[in-house]
N, C-alpha and C. Protein backbone atom coordinates (compact mmCIF):
# COMPACT_ATOMS: atom_id res chain seq x y z
N UNK A 1 106.39 76.76 30.43
CA UNK A 1 106.06 75.93 31.60
C UNK A 1 104.55 75.74 31.63
N UNK A 2 104.13 74.52 31.91
CA UNK A 2 102.70 74.27 31.99
C UNK A 2 102.06 75.04 33.14
N UNK A 3 100.75 75.25 33.03
CA UNK A 3 100.02 75.97 34.08
C UNK A 3 100.11 75.24 35.40
N UNK A 4 100.02 73.89 35.34
CA UNK A 4 100.07 73.12 36.59
C UNK A 4 101.43 73.26 37.26
N UNK A 5 102.49 73.30 36.43
CA UNK A 5 103.83 73.46 36.99
C UNK A 5 104.01 74.83 37.62
N UNK A 6 103.46 75.87 36.96
CA UNK A 6 103.54 77.24 37.49
C UNK A 6 102.83 77.35 38.82
N UNK A 7 101.66 76.73 38.92
CA UNK A 7 100.91 76.78 40.18
C UNK A 7 101.67 76.09 41.30
N UNK A 8 102.32 74.99 40.98
CA UNK A 8 103.10 74.27 41.99
C UNK A 8 104.25 75.11 42.49
N UNK A 9 104.91 75.83 41.55
CA UNK A 9 106.04 76.68 41.93
C UNK A 9 105.58 77.81 42.84
N UNK A 10 104.45 78.45 42.50
CA UNK A 10 103.90 79.53 43.33
C UNK A 10 103.57 79.02 44.72
N UNK A 11 102.98 77.84 44.79
CA UNK A 11 102.61 77.27 46.09
C UNK A 11 103.84 77.00 46.94
N UNK A 12 104.92 76.54 46.32
CA UNK A 12 106.14 76.24 47.06
C UNK A 12 106.77 77.51 47.63
N UNK A 13 106.80 78.58 46.80
CA UNK A 13 107.35 79.86 47.26
C UNK A 13 106.54 80.40 48.42
N UNK A 14 105.20 80.33 48.30
CA UNK A 14 104.33 80.82 49.38
C UNK A 14 104.57 80.06 50.66
N UNK A 15 104.73 78.76 50.57
CA UNK A 15 104.98 77.96 51.77
C UNK A 15 106.29 78.34 52.42
N UNK A 16 107.31 78.60 51.61
CA UNK A 16 108.60 79.00 52.16
C UNK A 16 108.51 80.33 52.89
N UNK A 17 107.78 81.29 52.29
CA UNK A 17 107.62 82.61 52.93
C UNK A 17 106.88 82.49 54.25
N UNK A 18 105.83 81.68 54.28
CA UNK A 18 105.06 81.50 55.52
C UNK A 18 105.94 80.90 56.60
N UNK A 19 106.75 79.93 56.24
CA UNK A 19 107.63 79.29 57.21
C UNK A 19 108.65 80.27 57.77
N UNK A 20 109.19 81.14 56.94
CA UNK A 20 110.17 82.13 57.41
C UNK A 20 109.54 83.11 58.38
N UNK A 21 108.32 83.58 58.07
CA UNK A 21 107.61 84.52 58.96
C UNK A 21 107.33 83.87 60.30
N UNK A 22 106.91 82.60 60.28
CA UNK A 22 106.61 81.91 61.53
C UNK A 22 107.85 81.77 62.38
N UNK A 23 108.99 81.47 61.77
CA UNK A 23 110.22 81.32 62.51
C UNK A 23 110.62 82.60 63.19
N UNK A 24 110.40 83.73 62.51
CA UNK A 24 110.77 85.03 63.07
C UNK A 24 109.79 85.52 64.12
N UNK A 25 108.68 84.83 64.27
CA UNK A 25 107.71 85.24 65.29
C UNK A 25 106.84 86.37 64.83
N UNK A 26 106.75 86.64 63.56
CA UNK A 26 105.90 87.71 63.08
C UNK A 26 106.72 88.88 62.59
N UNK A 27 106.11 89.81 61.90
CA UNK A 27 106.83 90.95 61.34
C UNK A 27 107.50 91.77 62.44
N UNK A 28 108.78 92.12 62.21
CA UNK A 28 109.48 93.02 63.13
C UNK A 28 109.89 92.37 64.43
N UNK A 29 109.76 91.05 64.57
CA UNK A 29 110.06 90.39 65.83
C UNK A 29 111.29 89.51 65.67
N UNK A 30 112.23 89.63 66.59
CA UNK A 30 113.46 88.85 66.53
C UNK A 30 113.17 87.41 66.92
N UNK A 31 113.81 86.47 66.25
CA UNK A 31 113.58 85.07 66.55
C UNK A 31 114.01 84.73 67.96
N UNK A 32 114.98 85.48 68.51
CA UNK A 32 115.45 85.19 69.86
C UNK A 32 114.39 85.47 70.90
N UNK A 33 113.37 86.31 70.56
CA UNK A 33 112.32 86.64 71.51
C UNK A 33 111.15 85.69 71.42
N UNK A 34 111.17 84.79 70.47
CA UNK A 34 110.04 83.88 70.28
C UNK A 34 109.95 82.92 71.45
N UNK A 35 108.72 82.59 71.84
CA UNK A 35 108.51 81.67 72.93
C UNK A 35 108.19 80.30 72.37
N UNK A 36 108.62 79.21 73.04
CA UNK A 36 108.30 77.87 72.55
C UNK A 36 106.80 77.62 72.59
N UNK A 37 106.33 76.89 71.63
CA UNK A 37 104.91 76.59 71.54
C UNK A 37 104.69 75.17 72.03
N UNK A 38 103.74 74.97 72.90
CA UNK A 38 103.47 73.65 73.44
C UNK A 38 102.97 72.75 72.33
N UNK A 39 103.39 71.48 72.38
CA UNK A 39 102.97 70.54 71.35
C UNK A 39 101.52 70.18 71.50
N UNK A 40 101.03 70.18 72.73
CA UNK A 40 99.64 69.79 72.96
C UNK A 40 98.71 70.93 72.62
N UNK A 41 97.59 70.57 72.02
CA UNK A 41 96.57 71.58 71.69
C UNK A 41 95.50 71.64 72.75
N UNK A 42 95.72 70.96 73.88
CA UNK A 42 94.72 70.92 74.94
C UNK A 42 94.67 72.23 75.70
N UNK A 43 93.79 72.32 76.71
CA UNK A 43 93.65 73.56 77.49
C UNK A 43 94.93 73.89 78.24
N UNK A 44 95.18 75.20 78.41
CA UNK A 44 96.38 75.65 79.11
C UNK A 44 96.36 75.18 80.56
N UNK A 45 97.55 74.85 81.07
CA UNK A 45 97.64 74.39 82.46
C UNK A 45 97.27 75.53 83.41
N UNK A 46 96.56 75.21 84.47
CA UNK A 46 96.15 76.22 85.45
C UNK A 46 97.37 76.78 86.16
N UNK A 47 97.40 78.09 86.32
CA UNK A 47 98.50 78.74 87.01
C UNK A 47 98.32 78.60 88.52
N UNK A 48 99.39 78.36 89.27
CA UNK A 48 99.26 78.23 90.72
C UNK A 48 98.81 79.54 91.35
N UNK A 49 97.96 79.45 92.34
CA UNK A 49 97.46 80.63 93.05
C UNK A 49 98.41 80.95 94.19
N UNK A 50 98.97 82.16 94.18
CA UNK A 50 99.88 82.58 95.24
C UNK A 50 99.07 83.34 96.28
N UNK A 51 99.00 82.80 97.47
CA UNK A 51 98.24 83.43 98.54
C UNK A 51 99.18 84.17 99.49
N UNK A 52 98.76 85.34 99.99
CA UNK A 52 99.62 86.06 100.93
C UNK A 52 99.79 85.29 102.22
N UNK A 53 100.93 85.48 102.86
CA UNK A 53 101.16 84.82 104.13
C UNK A 53 100.17 85.34 105.16
N UNK A 54 99.69 84.49 106.05
CA UNK A 54 98.82 84.99 107.11
C UNK A 54 99.58 85.93 108.02
N UNK A 55 98.87 86.82 108.69
CA UNK A 55 99.56 87.79 109.56
C UNK A 55 100.18 87.11 110.77
N UNK A 56 101.36 87.59 111.14
CA UNK A 56 101.96 87.11 112.39
C UNK A 56 101.64 88.12 113.50
N UNK A 57 102.25 87.91 114.67
CA UNK A 57 101.94 88.78 115.81
C UNK A 57 102.29 90.23 115.52
N UNK A 58 103.41 90.46 114.82
CA UNK A 58 103.81 91.83 114.52
C UNK A 58 102.80 92.52 113.61
N UNK A 59 102.28 91.79 112.60
CA UNK A 59 101.28 92.35 111.70
C UNK A 59 100.02 92.75 112.45
N UNK A 60 99.54 91.86 113.30
CA UNK A 60 98.28 92.10 114.02
C UNK A 60 98.42 93.28 114.96
N UNK A 61 99.47 93.29 115.76
CA UNK A 61 99.63 94.38 116.73
C UNK A 61 99.87 95.71 116.02
N UNK A 62 100.59 95.68 114.89
CA UNK A 62 100.79 96.91 114.12
C UNK A 62 99.45 97.50 113.71
N UNK A 63 98.57 96.68 113.17
CA UNK A 63 97.26 97.18 112.74
C UNK A 63 96.45 97.67 113.94
N UNK A 64 96.46 96.89 115.02
CA UNK A 64 95.69 97.28 116.21
C UNK A 64 96.17 98.61 116.79
N UNK A 65 97.46 98.85 116.74
CA UNK A 65 98.01 100.07 117.33
C UNK A 65 97.98 101.25 116.36
N UNK A 66 98.15 100.95 115.08
CA UNK A 66 98.19 102.04 114.11
C UNK A 66 96.81 102.66 113.88
N UNK A 67 95.75 101.89 114.09
CA UNK A 67 94.40 102.46 113.92
C UNK A 67 94.19 103.64 114.87
N UNK A 68 94.36 103.48 116.20
CA UNK A 68 94.19 104.65 117.07
C UNK A 68 95.25 105.73 116.84
N UNK A 69 96.44 105.32 116.42
CA UNK A 69 97.48 106.31 116.12
C UNK A 69 97.03 107.20 114.97
N UNK A 70 96.51 106.59 113.91
CA UNK A 70 95.98 107.36 112.79
C UNK A 70 94.77 108.19 113.21
N UNK A 71 93.91 107.61 114.04
CA UNK A 71 92.72 108.35 114.47
C UNK A 71 93.10 109.61 115.23
N UNK A 72 94.17 109.55 116.01
CA UNK A 72 94.60 110.76 116.70
C UNK A 72 95.13 111.80 115.72
N UNK A 73 95.85 111.36 114.69
CA UNK A 73 96.32 112.31 113.67
C UNK A 73 95.16 112.98 112.97
N UNK A 74 94.10 112.23 112.71
CA UNK A 74 92.90 112.80 112.09
C UNK A 74 92.28 113.82 113.03
N UNK A 75 92.21 113.49 114.32
CA UNK A 75 91.63 114.42 115.30
C UNK A 75 92.45 115.71 115.37
N UNK A 76 93.78 115.58 115.42
CA UNK A 76 94.65 116.76 115.46
C UNK A 76 94.43 117.64 114.23
N UNK A 77 94.31 117.01 113.07
CA UNK A 77 94.12 117.76 111.83
C UNK A 77 92.79 118.50 111.84
N UNK A 78 91.76 117.84 112.32
CA UNK A 78 90.44 118.48 112.35
C UNK A 78 90.39 119.62 113.36
N UNK A 79 91.14 119.49 114.45
CA UNK A 79 91.22 120.61 115.41
C UNK A 79 91.80 121.84 114.73
N UNK A 80 92.84 121.64 113.93
CA UNK A 80 93.44 122.78 113.23
C UNK A 80 92.50 123.34 112.17
N UNK A 81 91.86 122.46 111.43
CA UNK A 81 90.99 122.90 110.33
C UNK A 81 89.78 123.68 110.82
N UNK A 82 89.42 123.51 112.08
CA UNK A 82 88.27 124.23 112.64
C UNK A 82 88.62 125.66 113.05
N UNK A 83 89.90 126.02 112.97
CA UNK A 83 90.34 127.33 113.45
C UNK A 83 90.41 128.35 112.31
N UNK A 84 90.33 129.62 112.68
CA UNK A 84 90.56 130.71 111.74
C UNK A 84 92.03 131.13 111.79
N UNK A 85 92.50 131.78 110.73
CA UNK A 85 93.84 132.32 110.70
C UNK A 85 94.94 131.28 110.55
N UNK A 86 94.60 130.10 110.02
CA UNK A 86 95.59 129.04 109.84
C UNK A 86 96.32 129.26 108.51
N UNK A 87 97.61 129.06 108.50
CA UNK A 87 98.41 129.19 107.29
C UNK A 87 97.85 128.26 106.20
N UNK A 88 97.79 128.75 104.98
CA UNK A 88 97.18 127.97 103.89
C UNK A 88 97.87 126.63 103.66
N UNK A 89 99.19 126.63 103.71
CA UNK A 89 99.91 125.37 103.48
C UNK A 89 99.72 124.39 104.63
N UNK A 90 99.64 124.91 105.85
CA UNK A 90 99.36 124.04 107.00
C UNK A 90 97.95 123.46 106.88
N UNK A 91 97.03 124.27 106.40
CA UNK A 91 95.66 123.79 106.21
C UNK A 91 95.62 122.67 105.16
N UNK A 92 96.38 122.85 104.07
CA UNK A 92 96.41 121.83 103.02
C UNK A 92 97.01 120.52 103.55
N UNK A 93 98.07 120.64 104.37
CA UNK A 93 98.69 119.46 104.97
C UNK A 93 97.69 118.75 105.88
N UNK A 94 97.00 119.51 106.72
CA UNK A 94 96.03 118.92 107.65
C UNK A 94 94.89 118.24 106.90
N UNK A 95 94.43 118.86 105.82
CA UNK A 95 93.35 118.26 105.03
C UNK A 95 93.80 116.92 104.44
N UNK A 96 95.04 116.88 103.94
CA UNK A 96 95.54 115.63 103.35
C UNK A 96 95.70 114.55 104.42
N UNK A 97 96.27 114.91 105.58
CA UNK A 97 96.46 113.93 106.65
C UNK A 97 95.12 113.37 107.11
N UNK A 98 94.15 114.25 107.30
CA UNK A 98 92.84 113.79 107.75
C UNK A 98 92.22 112.81 106.77
N UNK A 99 92.34 113.10 105.49
CA UNK A 99 91.75 112.23 104.47
C UNK A 99 92.52 110.92 104.33
N UNK A 100 93.84 111.01 104.23
CA UNK A 100 94.66 109.83 103.97
C UNK A 100 94.66 108.87 105.16
N UNK A 101 94.81 109.41 106.34
CA UNK A 101 94.91 108.52 107.50
C UNK A 101 93.55 107.97 107.93
N UNK A 102 92.47 108.68 107.66
CA UNK A 102 91.13 108.11 107.93
C UNK A 102 90.91 106.90 107.03
N UNK A 103 91.32 107.01 105.77
CA UNK A 103 91.17 105.87 104.84
C UNK A 103 92.03 104.69 105.28
N UNK A 104 93.28 104.96 105.66
CA UNK A 104 94.16 103.87 106.08
C UNK A 104 93.65 103.20 107.36
N UNK A 105 93.14 103.97 108.30
CA UNK A 105 92.60 103.39 109.53
C UNK A 105 91.41 102.49 109.21
N UNK A 106 90.56 102.92 108.28
CA UNK A 106 89.43 102.10 107.87
C UNK A 106 89.89 100.79 107.23
N UNK A 107 90.93 100.87 106.41
CA UNK A 107 91.48 99.66 105.78
C UNK A 107 91.99 98.68 106.83
N UNK A 108 92.74 99.19 107.80
CA UNK A 108 93.33 98.31 108.81
C UNK A 108 92.27 97.69 109.71
N UNK A 109 91.21 98.42 110.00
CA UNK A 109 90.09 97.84 110.76
C UNK A 109 89.46 96.70 109.97
N UNK A 110 89.34 96.87 108.67
CA UNK A 110 88.76 95.82 107.83
C UNK A 110 89.66 94.58 107.82
N UNK A 111 90.98 94.78 107.80
CA UNK A 111 91.90 93.63 107.84
C UNK A 111 91.74 92.86 109.14
N UNK A 112 91.69 93.56 110.26
CA UNK A 112 91.56 92.89 111.54
C UNK A 112 90.28 92.07 111.60
N UNK A 113 89.20 92.62 111.07
CA UNK A 113 87.94 91.88 111.04
C UNK A 113 88.08 90.63 110.16
N UNK A 114 88.71 90.78 109.00
CA UNK A 114 88.89 89.64 108.09
C UNK A 114 89.79 88.58 108.71
N UNK A 115 90.76 89.00 109.52
CA UNK A 115 91.67 88.05 110.17
C UNK A 115 91.05 87.41 111.40
N UNK A 116 89.88 87.89 111.81
CA UNK A 116 89.26 87.37 113.02
C UNK A 116 89.96 87.83 114.29
N UNK A 117 90.57 89.01 114.23
CA UNK A 117 91.31 89.54 115.38
C UNK A 117 90.55 90.71 115.99
N UNK A 118 90.70 90.93 117.30
CA UNK A 118 90.03 92.08 117.93
C UNK A 118 90.60 93.39 117.40
N UNK A 119 89.75 94.41 117.40
CA UNK A 119 90.19 95.71 116.91
C UNK A 119 91.13 96.40 117.90
N UNK A 120 90.99 96.09 119.17
CA UNK A 120 91.84 96.69 120.19
C UNK A 120 92.82 95.65 120.69
N UNK A 121 94.05 96.05 120.99
CA UNK A 121 95.03 95.10 121.52
C UNK A 121 94.66 94.65 122.92
N UNK A 122 95.05 93.43 123.25
CA UNK A 122 94.81 92.91 124.58
C UNK A 122 95.85 93.40 125.56
N UNK A 123 95.72 93.01 126.83
CA UNK A 123 96.69 93.47 127.85
C UNK A 123 98.04 92.80 127.68
N UNK A 124 99.07 93.49 128.16
CA UNK A 124 100.41 92.92 128.15
C UNK A 124 101.13 93.12 126.85
N UNK A 125 102.44 92.90 126.85
CA UNK A 125 103.23 93.08 125.63
C UNK A 125 103.04 91.94 124.65
N UNK A 126 103.21 92.23 123.36
CA UNK A 126 103.21 91.20 122.34
C UNK A 126 104.64 91.03 121.85
N UNK A 127 104.93 89.84 121.32
CA UNK A 127 106.27 89.56 120.82
C UNK A 127 106.23 89.47 119.31
N UNK A 128 107.13 90.20 118.66
CA UNK A 128 107.21 90.17 117.21
C UNK A 128 107.85 88.90 116.70
N UNK A 129 108.01 88.85 115.39
CA UNK A 129 108.51 87.64 114.75
C UNK A 129 109.93 87.32 115.17
N UNK A 130 110.71 88.31 115.56
CA UNK A 130 112.10 88.09 115.91
C UNK A 130 112.36 88.39 117.39
N UNK A 131 111.30 88.29 118.19
CA UNK A 131 111.49 88.41 119.63
C UNK A 131 111.37 89.81 120.19
N UNK A 132 111.19 90.82 119.37
CA UNK A 132 111.06 92.17 119.91
C UNK A 132 109.70 92.33 120.57
N UNK A 133 109.61 93.25 121.48
CA UNK A 133 108.37 93.46 122.23
C UNK A 133 107.61 94.66 121.68
N UNK A 134 106.33 94.46 121.47
CA UNK A 134 105.45 95.53 121.01
C UNK A 134 104.58 95.93 122.19
N UNK A 135 104.67 97.17 122.61
CA UNK A 135 103.82 97.64 123.69
C UNK A 135 102.37 97.74 123.22
N UNK A 136 101.46 97.24 124.05
CA UNK A 136 100.03 97.33 123.71
C UNK A 136 99.38 98.52 124.41
N UNK A 137 100.14 99.29 125.14
CA UNK A 137 99.61 100.45 125.85
C UNK A 137 99.50 101.60 124.85
N UNK A 138 98.26 102.04 124.58
CA UNK A 138 98.05 103.09 123.58
C UNK A 138 98.77 104.38 123.97
N UNK A 139 98.76 104.70 125.24
CA UNK A 139 99.40 105.94 125.69
C UNK A 139 100.91 105.89 125.52
N UNK A 140 101.47 104.67 125.50
CA UNK A 140 102.92 104.53 125.38
C UNK A 140 103.38 104.40 123.93
N UNK A 141 102.45 104.45 123.00
CA UNK A 141 102.84 104.36 121.60
C UNK A 141 103.71 105.54 121.20
N UNK A 142 104.71 105.31 120.35
CA UNK A 142 105.58 106.42 119.93
C UNK A 142 104.78 107.52 119.24
N UNK A 143 105.01 108.75 119.68
CA UNK A 143 104.40 109.90 119.01
C UNK A 143 103.01 110.27 119.47
N UNK A 144 102.37 109.46 120.30
CA UNK A 144 100.99 109.78 120.72
C UNK A 144 100.98 111.00 121.65
N UNK A 145 100.05 111.92 121.38
CA UNK A 145 99.90 113.09 122.23
C UNK A 145 99.16 112.72 123.51
N UNK A 146 99.52 113.40 124.58
CA UNK A 146 98.80 113.23 125.84
C UNK A 146 97.51 114.04 125.79
N UNK A 147 96.56 113.76 126.67
CA UNK A 147 95.36 114.59 126.73
C UNK A 147 95.68 116.07 126.94
N UNK A 148 96.70 116.36 127.74
CA UNK A 148 97.07 117.77 127.97
C UNK A 148 97.57 118.42 126.69
N UNK A 149 98.34 117.69 125.88
CA UNK A 149 98.84 118.23 124.62
C UNK A 149 97.69 118.48 123.63
N UNK A 150 96.72 117.59 123.64
CA UNK A 150 95.55 117.79 122.77
C UNK A 150 94.75 119.01 123.20
N UNK A 151 94.61 119.20 124.50
CA UNK A 151 93.88 120.38 125.00
C UNK A 151 94.62 121.65 124.61
N UNK A 152 95.93 121.61 124.66
CA UNK A 152 96.72 122.79 124.27
C UNK A 152 96.51 123.12 122.80
N UNK A 153 96.49 122.10 121.95
CA UNK A 153 96.23 122.34 120.53
C UNK A 153 94.82 122.85 120.32
N UNK A 154 93.87 122.30 121.04
CA UNK A 154 92.48 122.72 120.90
C UNK A 154 92.31 124.19 121.28
N UNK A 155 93.06 124.65 122.28
CA UNK A 155 92.90 126.02 122.75
C UNK A 155 93.74 127.04 122.01
N UNK A 156 94.68 126.61 121.19
CA UNK A 156 95.56 127.54 120.48
C UNK A 156 94.80 128.23 119.35
N UNK A 157 95.22 129.45 119.01
CA UNK A 157 94.55 130.20 117.95
C UNK A 157 95.59 130.84 117.04
N UNK A 158 95.17 131.12 115.80
CA UNK A 158 95.99 131.88 114.86
C UNK A 158 97.32 131.22 114.54
N UNK A 159 98.34 132.07 114.37
CA UNK A 159 99.67 131.59 113.99
C UNK A 159 100.26 130.63 115.01
N UNK A 160 100.12 130.88 116.33
CA UNK A 160 100.63 129.91 117.30
C UNK A 160 100.00 128.52 117.14
N UNK A 161 98.74 128.47 116.74
CA UNK A 161 98.08 127.17 116.53
C UNK A 161 98.71 126.44 115.36
N UNK A 162 99.04 127.19 114.31
CA UNK A 162 99.68 126.57 113.14
C UNK A 162 101.01 125.94 113.51
N UNK A 163 101.85 126.71 114.21
CA UNK A 163 103.17 126.19 114.55
C UNK A 163 103.06 125.02 115.53
N UNK A 164 102.16 125.12 116.49
CA UNK A 164 102.00 124.04 117.46
C UNK A 164 101.56 122.76 116.76
N UNK A 165 100.60 122.88 115.86
CA UNK A 165 100.14 121.71 115.11
C UNK A 165 101.30 121.07 114.35
N UNK A 166 102.08 121.88 113.65
CA UNK A 166 103.18 121.35 112.85
C UNK A 166 104.20 120.62 113.72
N UNK A 167 104.55 121.20 114.84
CA UNK A 167 105.54 120.57 115.71
C UNK A 167 105.00 119.28 116.32
N UNK A 168 103.75 119.31 116.74
CA UNK A 168 103.16 118.10 117.31
C UNK A 168 103.01 117.00 116.26
N UNK A 169 102.63 117.37 115.04
CA UNK A 169 102.42 116.36 114.01
C UNK A 169 103.75 115.75 113.56
N UNK A 170 104.81 116.54 113.55
CA UNK A 170 106.12 115.98 113.22
C UNK A 170 106.49 114.88 114.23
N UNK A 171 106.29 115.15 115.51
CA UNK A 171 106.58 114.13 116.52
C UNK A 171 105.67 112.92 116.37
N UNK A 172 104.41 113.19 116.08
CA UNK A 172 103.44 112.11 115.87
C UNK A 172 103.87 111.23 114.70
N UNK A 173 104.28 111.85 113.61
CA UNK A 173 104.76 111.10 112.44
C UNK A 173 106.01 110.29 112.76
N UNK A 174 106.92 110.85 113.55
CA UNK A 174 108.13 110.11 113.90
C UNK A 174 107.79 108.81 114.61
N UNK A 175 106.76 108.84 115.44
CA UNK A 175 106.31 107.61 116.09
C UNK A 175 105.78 106.61 115.09
N UNK A 176 104.99 107.08 114.12
CA UNK A 176 104.45 106.18 113.10
C UNK A 176 105.56 105.59 112.24
N UNK A 177 106.57 106.40 111.94
CA UNK A 177 107.70 105.90 111.15
C UNK A 177 108.43 104.79 111.89
N UNK A 178 108.59 104.95 113.20
CA UNK A 178 109.25 103.91 114.00
C UNK A 178 108.45 102.61 113.96
N UNK A 179 107.14 102.70 114.11
CA UNK A 179 106.29 101.52 114.08
C UNK A 179 106.29 100.87 112.69
N UNK A 180 106.30 101.69 111.66
CA UNK A 180 106.29 101.17 110.29
C UNK A 180 107.58 100.42 109.98
N UNK A 181 108.72 100.99 110.41
CA UNK A 181 109.99 100.30 110.18
C UNK A 181 110.02 98.94 110.89
N UNK A 182 109.42 98.89 112.06
CA UNK A 182 109.43 97.64 112.82
C UNK A 182 108.62 96.56 112.11
N UNK A 183 107.45 96.90 111.59
CA UNK A 183 106.63 95.86 110.95
C UNK A 183 107.20 95.47 109.60
N UNK A 184 107.89 96.38 108.91
CA UNK A 184 108.56 96.00 107.66
C UNK A 184 109.63 94.95 107.96
N UNK A 185 110.31 95.09 109.10
CA UNK A 185 111.37 94.15 109.46
C UNK A 185 110.81 92.83 109.99
N UNK A 186 109.65 92.88 110.68
CA UNK A 186 109.18 91.70 111.39
C UNK A 186 107.89 91.10 110.86
N UNK A 187 107.12 91.88 110.11
CA UNK A 187 105.83 91.38 109.64
C UNK A 187 105.97 90.39 108.50
N UNK A 188 104.94 89.57 108.33
CA UNK A 188 104.91 88.58 107.25
C UNK A 188 103.86 88.91 106.19
N UNK A 189 102.85 89.70 106.56
CA UNK A 189 101.70 89.90 105.67
C UNK A 189 101.95 91.00 104.65
N UNK A 190 101.57 90.73 103.40
CA UNK A 190 101.84 91.67 102.32
C UNK A 190 101.09 92.98 102.51
N UNK A 191 99.89 92.93 103.11
CA UNK A 191 99.10 94.15 103.26
C UNK A 191 99.70 95.09 104.30
N UNK A 192 100.10 94.55 105.45
CA UNK A 192 100.68 95.42 106.47
C UNK A 192 102.02 95.96 106.00
N UNK A 193 102.80 95.15 105.32
CA UNK A 193 104.10 95.62 104.84
C UNK A 193 103.93 96.71 103.78
N UNK A 194 102.91 96.57 102.95
CA UNK A 194 102.67 97.57 101.90
C UNK A 194 102.26 98.91 102.51
N UNK A 195 101.33 98.87 103.47
CA UNK A 195 100.88 100.13 104.06
C UNK A 195 102.00 100.74 104.90
N UNK A 196 102.84 99.91 105.52
CA UNK A 196 103.96 100.44 106.29
C UNK A 196 104.95 101.15 105.38
N UNK A 197 105.20 100.59 104.21
CA UNK A 197 106.12 101.24 103.27
C UNK A 197 105.52 102.55 102.76
N UNK A 198 104.20 102.58 102.59
CA UNK A 198 103.53 103.83 102.20
C UNK A 198 103.71 104.88 103.30
N UNK A 199 103.54 104.47 104.55
CA UNK A 199 103.70 105.39 105.68
C UNK A 199 105.13 105.93 105.71
N UNK A 200 106.10 105.06 105.49
CA UNK A 200 107.50 105.49 105.52
C UNK A 200 107.77 106.57 104.47
N UNK A 201 107.24 106.38 103.28
CA UNK A 201 107.48 107.36 102.22
C UNK A 201 106.66 108.63 102.44
N UNK A 202 105.37 108.47 102.75
CA UNK A 202 104.46 109.60 102.82
C UNK A 202 104.76 110.50 104.02
N UNK A 203 104.90 109.90 105.18
CA UNK A 203 105.05 110.71 106.38
C UNK A 203 106.45 111.33 106.50
N UNK A 204 107.45 110.66 105.94
CA UNK A 204 108.76 111.30 105.91
C UNK A 204 108.72 112.55 105.04
N UNK A 205 108.02 112.47 103.91
CA UNK A 205 107.86 113.64 103.05
C UNK A 205 107.07 114.75 103.71
N UNK A 206 106.01 114.37 104.44
CA UNK A 206 105.20 115.37 105.14
C UNK A 206 106.03 116.06 106.24
N UNK A 207 106.85 115.28 106.93
CA UNK A 207 107.69 115.89 107.97
C UNK A 207 108.66 116.91 107.39
N UNK A 208 109.23 116.59 106.24
CA UNK A 208 110.15 117.53 105.60
C UNK A 208 109.41 118.82 105.21
N UNK A 209 108.19 118.66 104.67
CA UNK A 209 107.41 119.83 104.28
C UNK A 209 107.01 120.67 105.49
N UNK A 210 106.64 120.01 106.60
CA UNK A 210 106.24 120.75 107.80
C UNK A 210 107.43 121.46 108.44
N UNK A 211 108.60 120.83 108.40
CA UNK A 211 109.80 121.47 108.95
C UNK A 211 110.14 122.72 108.16
N UNK A 212 110.03 122.63 106.84
CA UNK A 212 110.30 123.82 106.00
C UNK A 212 109.31 124.94 106.31
N UNK A 213 108.06 124.57 106.52
CA UNK A 213 107.05 125.59 106.79
C UNK A 213 107.30 126.26 108.14
N UNK A 214 107.72 125.50 109.13
CA UNK A 214 108.05 126.11 110.44
C UNK A 214 109.15 127.15 110.28
N UNK A 215 110.15 126.85 109.45
CA UNK A 215 111.25 127.80 109.23
C UNK A 215 110.77 129.08 108.57
N UNK A 216 109.66 128.99 107.84
CA UNK A 216 109.16 130.17 107.11
C UNK A 216 108.18 131.00 107.91
N UNK A 217 107.68 130.44 109.01
CA UNK A 217 106.66 131.16 109.79
C UNK A 217 107.28 132.37 110.52
């Protein structure tokens, strides 16, 4: 065979191999997983920007109410942490609550500012997305301690202080769980729904841990 004929044959075989590899989508890749290639060599089409839904009344009131609710949990935790003779596991729980809920309260205050909404709720009830009423009275929020209950926690010492904190915080968490479930059902905003789902998971777990610790005291 002439040299020119041999070169032509080699070129044809190489072209066939390249075509087979391209069809398979590369080494080790199934042809069924291959994606179609656009015929145009122009710039890729811009992807649509998905923006979160603006907050509705339930989202706004949830943030306005949950900020002071979290702030009270932080205060309760710091009251316990300032005491001597506190159970080590109760101290660890209080440290986590103080840190986690202070951060979440700061986040929600930032959202309200970005939304152009007041940090504190106005007078009167608010109506959620499906007609439910959200109380704007801070004292009437689920799980909130009264001033007398806070004074009792402040004055408690030693083991009684540990148990009192745990029982009060369980009730406080139950209130937050109720509020979180409501905004998951009625809220529109991705940020409030996300933090509410975090509260549902985190505080339910903390309540289980605190209940176990009470049984061991």
